[in-house]
Amino acid sequence: MEEKLKIEKTKMKIFSLGEEPKDCVYWLSQAPQKRLEAVEYLRELNYTRDEIKSRLQRVCRIVKLSQS
């Protein structure tokens, strides 16, 4: 069974607005596997299992415009 990503609350810091570090620098310093795990965790927070499997339905409609 897959392991859930845990948030390390002991490593959280509070910064003033405008003084926070750049997230890009942090994520580039992480291993690719850890970055993928974080993306998967965020995806699971936003979508249920059924939504992930069903995906989006593609619809195309042709509408005839009236001449004015």
PDB file of N, CA and C in Angstrom:
ATOM      1  N   MET A   1       0.843  -1.188   0.000  1.00  0.00           N
ATOM      2  CA  MET A   1       0.000   0.000   0.000  1.00  0.00           C
ATOM      3  C   MET A   1       0.883   1.244   0.000  1.00  0.00           C
ATOM      4  N   GLU A   2       0.423   2.299  -0.643  1.00  0.00           N
ATOM      5  CA  GLU A   2       1.234   3.506  -0.760  1.00  0.00           C
ATOM      6  C   GLU A   2       1.307   4.284   0.549  1.00  0.00           C
ATOM      7  N   GLU A   3       2.413   4.934   0.762  1.00  0.00           N
ATOM      8  CA  GLU A   3       2.641   5.707   1.980  1.00  0.00           C
ATOM      9  C   GLU A   3       2.164   7.137   1.773  1.00  0.00           C
ATOM     10  N   LYS A   4       1.481   7.688   2.759  1.00  0.00           N
ATOM     11  CA  LYS A   4       0.988   9.068   2.673  1.00  0.00           C
ATOM     12  C   LYS A   4       2.108  10.045   2.999  1.00  0.00           C
ATOM     13  N   LEU A   5       2.110  11.172   2.300  1.00  0.00           N
ATOM     14  CA  LEU A   5       3.074  12.230   2.557  1.00  0.00           C
ATOM     15  C   LEU A   5       2.673  12.940   3.840  1.00  0.00           C
ATOM     16  N   LYS A   6       3.602  13.097   4.741  1.00  0.00           N
ATOM     17  CA  LYS A   6       3.313  13.742   6.017  1.00  0.00           C
ATOM     18  C   LYS A   6       3.896  15.147   6.026  1.00  0.00           C
ATOM     19  N   ILE A   7       3.162  16.086   6.603  1.00  0.00           N
ATOM     20  CA  ILE A   7       3.640  17.454   6.741  1.00  0.00           C
ATOM     21  C   ILE A   7       4.462  17.543   8.014  1.00  0.00           C
ATOM     22  N   GLU A   8       5.681  18.023   7.889  1.00  0.00           N
ATOM     23  CA  GLU A   8       6.561  18.171   9.050  1.00  0.00           C
ATOM     24  C   GLU A   8       6.314  19.538   9.673  1.00  0.00           C
ATOM     25  N   LYS A   9       5.467  19.576  10.691  1.00  0.00           N
ATOM     26  CA  LYS A   9       5.094  20.842  11.315  1.00  0.00           C
ATOM     27  C   LYS A   9       6.237  21.467  12.100  1.00  0.00           C
ATOM     28  N   THR A  10       7.230  20.687  12.466  1.00  0.00           N
ATOM     29  CA  THR A  10       8.353  21.225  13.228  1.00  0.00           C
ATOM     30  C   THR A  10       9.269  22.070  12.352  1.00  0.00           C
ATOM     31  N   LYS A  11       9.153  21.932  11.036  1.00  0.00           N
ATOM     32  CA  LYS A  11      10.015  22.678  10.127  1.00  0.00           C
ATOM     33  C   LYS A  11       9.333  23.904   9.528  1.00  0.00           C
ATOM     34  N   MET A  12       8.145  24.238  10.021  1.00  0.00           N
ATOM     35  CA  MET A  12       7.425  25.407   9.524  1.00  0.00           C
ATOM     36  C   MET A  12       7.965  26.672  10.166  1.00  0.00           C
ATOM     37  N   LYS A  13       8.032  27.749   9.378  1.00  0.00           N
ATOM     38  CA  LYS A  13       8.470  29.040   9.885  1.00  0.00           C
ATOM     39  C   LYS A  13       7.489  30.103   9.433  1.00  0.00           C
ATOM     40  N   ILE A  14       7.380  31.171  10.187  1.00  0.00           N
ATOM     41  CA  ILE A  14       6.490  32.277   9.854  1.00  0.00           C
ATOM     42  C   ILE A  14       7.355  33.444   9.390  1.00  0.00           C
ATOM     43  N   PHE A  15       6.986  34.020   8.237  1.00  0.00           N
ATOM     44  CA  PHE A  15       7.720  35.140   7.663  1.00  0.00           C
ATOM     45  C   PHE A  15       6.785  36.319   7.471  1.00  0.00           C
ATOM     46  N   SER A  16       7.326  37.527   7.487  1.00  0.00           N
ATOM     47  CA  SER A  16       6.548  38.718   7.172  1.00  0.00           C
ATOM     48  C   SER A  16       6.290  38.747   5.675  1.00  0.00           C
ATOM     49  N   LEU A  17       5.198  39.392   5.285  1.00  0.00           N
ATOM     50  CA  LEU A  17       4.848  39.495   3.878  1.00  0.00           C
ATOM     51  C   LEU A  17       5.963  40.195   3.109  1.00  0.00           C
ATOM     52  N   GLY A  18       6.416  39.576   2.055  1.00  0.00           N
ATOM     53  CA  GLY A  18       7.496  40.125   1.244  1.00  0.00           C
ATOM     54  C   GLY A  18       8.880  39.630   1.643  1.00  0.00           C
ATOM     55  N   GLU A  19       8.986  39.015   2.821  1.00  0.00           N
ATOM     56  CA  GLU A  19      10.269  38.512   3.290  1.00  0.00           C
ATOM     57  C   GLU A  19      10.375  36.989   3.206  1.00  0.00           C
ATOM     58  N   GLU A  20       9.319  36.348   2.688  1.00  0.00           N
ATOM     59  CA  GLU A  20       9.319  34.890   2.612  1.00  0.00           C
ATOM     60  C   GLU A  20      10.310  34.423   1.544  1.00  0.00           C
ATOM     61  N   PRO A  21      10.924  33.258   1.762  1.00  0.00           N
ATOM     62  CA  PRO A  21      11.880  32.738   0.781  1.00  0.00           C
ATOM     63  C   PRO A  21      11.156  32.259  -0.482  1.00  0.00           C
ATOM     64  N   LYS A  22      11.885  32.155  -1.560  1.00  0.00           N
ATOM     65  CA  LYS A  22      11.311  31.690  -2.819  1.00  0.00           C
ATOM     66  C   LYS A  22      11.096  30.177  -2.753  1.00  0.00           C
ATOM     67  N   ASP A  23       9.877  29.732  -3.057  1.00  0.00           N
ATOM     68  CA  ASP A  23       9.560  28.306  -3.041  1.00  0.00           C
ATOM     69  C   ASP A  23      10.369  27.538  -4.072  1.00  0.00           C
ATOM     70  N   CYS A  24      10.652  28.172  -5.191  1.00  0.00           N
ATOM     71  CA  CYS A  24      11.376  27.508  -6.276  1.00  0.00           C
ATOM     72  C   CYS A  24      12.744  27.006  -5.793  1.00  0.00           C
ATOM     73  N   VAL A  25      13.438  27.800  -5.020  1.00  0.00           N
ATOM     74  CA  VAL A  25      14.760  27.414  -4.515  1.00  0.00           C
ATOM     75  C   VAL A  25      14.647  26.164  -3.652  1.00  0.00           C
ATOM     76  N   TYR A  26      13.615  26.115  -2.798  1.00  0.00           N
ATOM     77  CA  TYR A  26      13.420  24.954  -1.934  1.00  0.00           C
ATOM     78  C   TYR A  26      13.160  23.705  -2.762  1.00  0.00           C
ATOM     79  N   TRP A  27      12.193  23.797  -3.695  1.00  0.00           N
ATOM     80  CA  TRP A  27      11.810  22.608  -4.447  1.00  0.00           C
ATOM     81  C   TRP A  27      12.910  22.127  -5.378  1.00  0.00           C
ATOM     82  N   LEU A  28      13.722  23.023  -5.897  1.00  0.00           N
ATOM     83  CA  LEU A  28      14.849  22.597  -6.731  1.00  0.00           C
ATOM     84  C   LEU A  28      15.915  21.883  -5.913  1.00  0.00           C
ATOM     85  N   SER A  29      15.940  22.132  -4.609  1.00  0.00           N
ATOM     86  CA  SER A  29      16.919  21.462  -3.749  1.00  0.00           C
ATOM     87  C   SER A  29      16.450  20.057  -3.332  1.00  0.00           C
ATOM     88  N   GLN A  30      15.184  19.733  -3.588  1.00  0.00           N
ATOM     89  CA  GLN A  30      14.634  18.428  -3.220  1.00  0.00           C
ATOM     90  C   GLN A  30      14.869  17.402  -4.323  1.00  0.00           C
ATOM     91  N   ALA A  31      14.899  16.142  -3.933  1.00  0.00           N
ATOM     92  CA  ALA A  31      15.061  15.048  -4.895  1.00  0.00           C
ATOM     93  C   ALA A  31      13.821  14.969  -5.788  1.00  0.00           C
ATOM     94  N   PRO A  32      13.993  14.553  -7.046  1.00  0.00           N
ATOM     95  CA  PRO A  32      12.834  14.443  -7.947  1.00  0.00           C
ATOM     96  C   PRO A  32      11.704  13.581  -7.382  1.00  0.00           C
ATOM     97  N   GLN A  33      12.033  12.490  -6.714  1.00  0.00           N
ATOM     98  CA  GLN A  33      11.006  11.621  -6.138  1.00  0.00           C
ATOM     99  C   GLN A  33      10.178  12.366  -5.094  1.00  0.00           C
ATOM    100  N   LYS A  34      10.835  13.159  -4.273  1.00  0.00           N
ATOM    101  CA  LYS A  34      10.132  13.930  -3.236  1.00  0.00           C
ATOM    102  C   LYS A  34       9.222  14.985  -3.871  1.00  0.00           C
ATOM    103  N   ARG A  35       9.674  15.593  -4.961  1.00  0.00           N
ATOM    104  CA  ARG A  35       8.843  16.581  -5.671  1.00  0.00           C
ATOM    105  C   ARG A  35       7.593  15.926  -6.255  1.00  0.00           C
ATOM    106  N   LEU A  36       7.757  14.744  -6.835  1.00  0.00           N
ATOM    107  CA  LEU A  36       6.609  14.030  -7.402  1.00  0.00           C
ATOM    108  C   LEU A  36       5.619  13.615  -6.314  1.00  0.00           C
ATOM    109  N   GLU A  37       6.129  13.193  -5.180  1.00  0.00           N
ATOM    110  CA  GLU A  37       5.257  12.828  -4.060  1.00  0.00           C
ATOM    111  C   GLU A  37       4.448  14.036  -3.596  1.00  0.00           C
ATOM    112  N   ALA A  38       5.058  15.210  -3.566  1.00  0.00           N
ATOM    113  CA  ALA A  38       4.350  16.419  -3.141  1.00  0.00           C
ATOM    114  C   ALA A  38       3.256  16.788  -4.139  1.00  0.00           C
ATOM    115  N   VAL A  39       3.543  16.661  -5.429  1.00  0.00           N
ATOM    116  CA  VAL A  39       2.536  16.954  -6.455  1.00  0.00           C
ATOM    117  C   VAL A  39       1.370  15.974  -6.334  1.00  0.00           C
ATOM    118  N   GLU A  40       1.666  14.701  -6.135  1.00  0.00           N
ATOM    119  CA  GLU A  40       0.624  13.691  -5.977  1.00  0.00           C
ATOM    120  C   GLU A  40      -0.224  13.973  -4.743  1.00  0.00           C
ATOM    121  N   TYR A  41       0.402  14.386  -3.666  1.00  0.00           N
ATOM    122  CA  TYR A  41      -0.323  14.718  -2.444  1.00  0.00           C
ATOM    123  C   TYR A  41      -1.283  15.885  -2.679  1.00  0.00           C
ATOM    124  N   LEU A  42      -0.812  16.935  -3.341  1.00  0.00           N
ATOM    125  CA  LEU A  42      -1.668  18.086  -3.628  1.00  0.00           C
ATOM    126  C   LEU A  42      -2.811  17.711  -4.561  1.00  0.00           C
ATOM    127  N   ARG A  43      -2.535  16.839  -5.518  1.00  0.00           N
ATOM    128  CA  ARG A  43      -3.575  16.386  -6.439  1.00  0.00           C
ATOM    129  C   ARG A  43      -4.661  15.623  -5.687  1.00  0.00           C
ATOM    130  N   GLU A  44      -4.253  14.756  -4.760  1.00  0.00           N
ATOM    131  CA  GLU A  44      -5.219  13.995  -3.975  1.00  0.00           C
ATOM    132  C   GLU A  44      -6.045  14.883  -3.052  1.00  0.00           C
ATOM    133  N   LEU A  45      -5.472  15.993  -2.585  1.00  0.00           N
ATOM    134  CA  LEU A  45      -6.229  16.920  -1.755  1.00  0.00           C
ATOM    135  C   LEU A  45      -7.368  17.562  -2.542  1.00  0.00           C
ATOM    136  N   ASN A  46      -7.151  17.789  -3.832  1.00  0.00           N
ATOM    137  CA  ASN A  46      -8.120  18.505  -4.657  1.00  0.00           C
ATOM    138  C   ASN A  46      -9.108  17.619  -5.391  1.00  0.00           C
ATOM    139  N   TYR A  47      -8.795  16.359  -5.577  1.00  0.00           N
ATOM    140  CA  TYR A  47      -9.662  15.473  -6.344  1.00  0.00           C
ATOM    141  C   TYR A  47      -9.884  14.174  -5.585  1.00  0.00           C
ATOM    142  N   THR A  48     -11.107  13.663  -5.665  1.00  0.00           N
ATOM    143  CA  THR A  48     -11.382  12.356  -5.077  1.00  0.00           C
ATOM    144  C   THR A  48     -10.911  11.279  -6.041  1.00  0.00           C
ATOM    145  N   ARG A  49     -10.864  10.048  -5.611  1.00  0.00           N
ATOM    146  CA  ARG A  49     -10.425   8.937  -6.464  1.00  0.00           C
ATOM    147  C   ARG A  49     -11.302   8.819  -7.717  1.00  0.00           C
ATOM    148  N   ASP A  50     -12.632   8.966  -7.565  1.00  0.00           N
ATOM    149  CA  ASP A  50     -13.534   8.855  -8.710  1.00  0.00           C
ATOM    150  C   ASP A  50     -13.278   9.956  -9.729  1.00  0.00           C
ATOM    151  N   GLU A  51     -13.014  11.176  -9.261  1.00  0.00           N
ATOM    152  CA  GLU A  51     -12.743  12.284 -10.178  1.00  0.00           C
ATOM    153  C   GLU A  51     -11.431  12.071 -10.930  1.00  0.00           C
ATOM    154  N   ILE A  52     -10.454  11.497 -10.264  1.00  0.00           N
ATOM    155  CA  ILE A  52      -9.167  11.253 -10.900  1.00  0.00           C
ATOM    156  C   ILE A  52      -9.324  10.227 -12.013  1.00  0.00           C
ATOM    157  N   LYS A  53     -10.080   9.170 -11.751  1.00  0.00           N
ATOM    158  CA  LYS A  53     -10.239   8.101 -12.735  1.00  0.00           C
ATOM    159  C   LYS A  53     -11.141   8.491 -13.894  1.00  0.00           C
ATOM    160  N   SER A  54     -12.172   9.289 -13.637  1.00  0.00           N
ATOM    161  CA  SER A  54     -13.135   9.603 -14.689  1.00  0.00           C
ATOM    162  C   SER A  54     -12.603  10.633 -15.690  1.00  0.00           C
ATOM    163  N   ARG A  55     -11.726  11.497 -15.263  1.00  0.00           N
ATOM    164  CA  ARG A  55     -11.153  12.560 -16.092  1.00  0.00           C
ATOM    165  C   ARG A  55     -12.222  13.499 -16.609  1.00  0.00           C
ATOM    166  N   LEU A  56     -11.823  14.433 -17.448  1.00  0.00           N
ATOM    167  CA  LEU A  56     -12.752  15.406 -17.996  1.00  0.00           C
ATOM    168  C   LEU A  56     -13.348  14.900 -19.301  1.00  0.00           C
ATOM    169  N   GLN A  57     -14.612  15.197 -19.501  1.00  0.00           N
ATOM    170  CA  GLN A  57     -15.270  14.821 -20.742  1.00  0.00           C
ATOM    171  C   GLN A  57     -15.049  15.944 -21.754  1.00  0.00           C
ATOM    172  N   ARG A  58     -14.735  15.578 -22.983  1.00  0.00           N
ATOM    173  CA  ARG A  58     -14.523  16.566 -24.037  1.00  0.00           C
ATOM    174  C   ARG A  58     -15.806  16.743 -24.830  1.00  0.00           C
ATOM    175  N   VAL A  59     -16.201  17.977 -25.013  1.00  0.00           N
ATOM    176  CA  VAL A  59     -17.430  18.278 -25.734  1.00  0.00           C
ATOM    177  C   VAL A  59     -17.121  19.329 -26.783  1.00  0.00           C
ATOM    178  N   CYS A  60     -17.657  19.120 -27.975  1.00  0.00           N
ATOM    179  CA  CYS A  60     -17.478  20.083 -29.060  1.00  0.00           C
ATOM    180  C   CYS A  60     -18.853  20.382 -29.650  1.00  0.00           C
ATOM    181  N   ARG A  61     -19.204  21.637 -29.769  1.00  0.00           N
ATOM    182  CA  ARG A  61     -20.478  22.033 -30.362  1.00  0.00           C
ATOM    183  C   ARG A  61     -20.219  23.022 -31.481  1.00  0.00           C
ATOM    184  N   ILE A  62     -20.927  22.857 -32.547  1.00  0.00           N
ATOM    185  CA  ILE A  62     -20.865  23.819 -33.666  1.00  0.00           C
ATOM    186  C   ILE A  62     -22.137  24.633 -33.603  1.00  0.00           C
ATOM    187  N   VAL A  63     -21.990  25.932 -33.477  1.00  0.00           N
ATOM    188  CA  VAL A  63     -23.132  26.837 -33.353  1.00  0.00           C
ATOM    189  C   VAL A  63     -23.161  27.723 -34.577  1.00  0.00           C
ATOM    190  N   LYS A  64     -24.331  27.772 -35.237  1.00  0.00           N
ATOM    191  CA  LYS A  64     -24.497  28.612 -36.411  1.00  0.00           C
ATOM    192  C   LYS A  64     -24.876  30.003 -35.930  1.00  0.00           C
ATOM    193  N   LEU A  65     -24.080  30.988 -36.295  1.00  0.00           N
ATOM    194  CA  LEU A  65     -24.332  32.367 -35.873  1.00  0.00           C
ATOM    195  C   LEU A  65     -25.323  33.030 -36.815  1.00  0.00           C
ATOM    196  N   SER A  66     -26.201  33.823 -36.242  1.00  0.00           N
ATOM    197  CA  SER A  66     -27.151  34.555 -37.092  1.00  0.00           C
ATOM    198  C   SER A  66     -26.426  35.738 -37.724  1.00  0.00           C
ATOM    199  N   GLN A  67     -26.817  36.053 -38.964  1.00  0.00           N
ATOM    200  CA  GLN A  67     -26.206  37.184 -39.663  1.00  0.00           C
ATOM    201  C   GLN A  67     -26.914  38.458 -39.239  1.00  0.00           C
ATOM    202  N   SER A  68     -26.149  39.470 -38.874  1.00  0.00           N
ATOM    203  CA  SER A  68     -26.787  40.721 -38.442  1.00  0.00           C
ATOM    204  C   SER A  68     -26.479  41.870 -39.357  1.00  0.00           C
TER     205      SER A  68
END
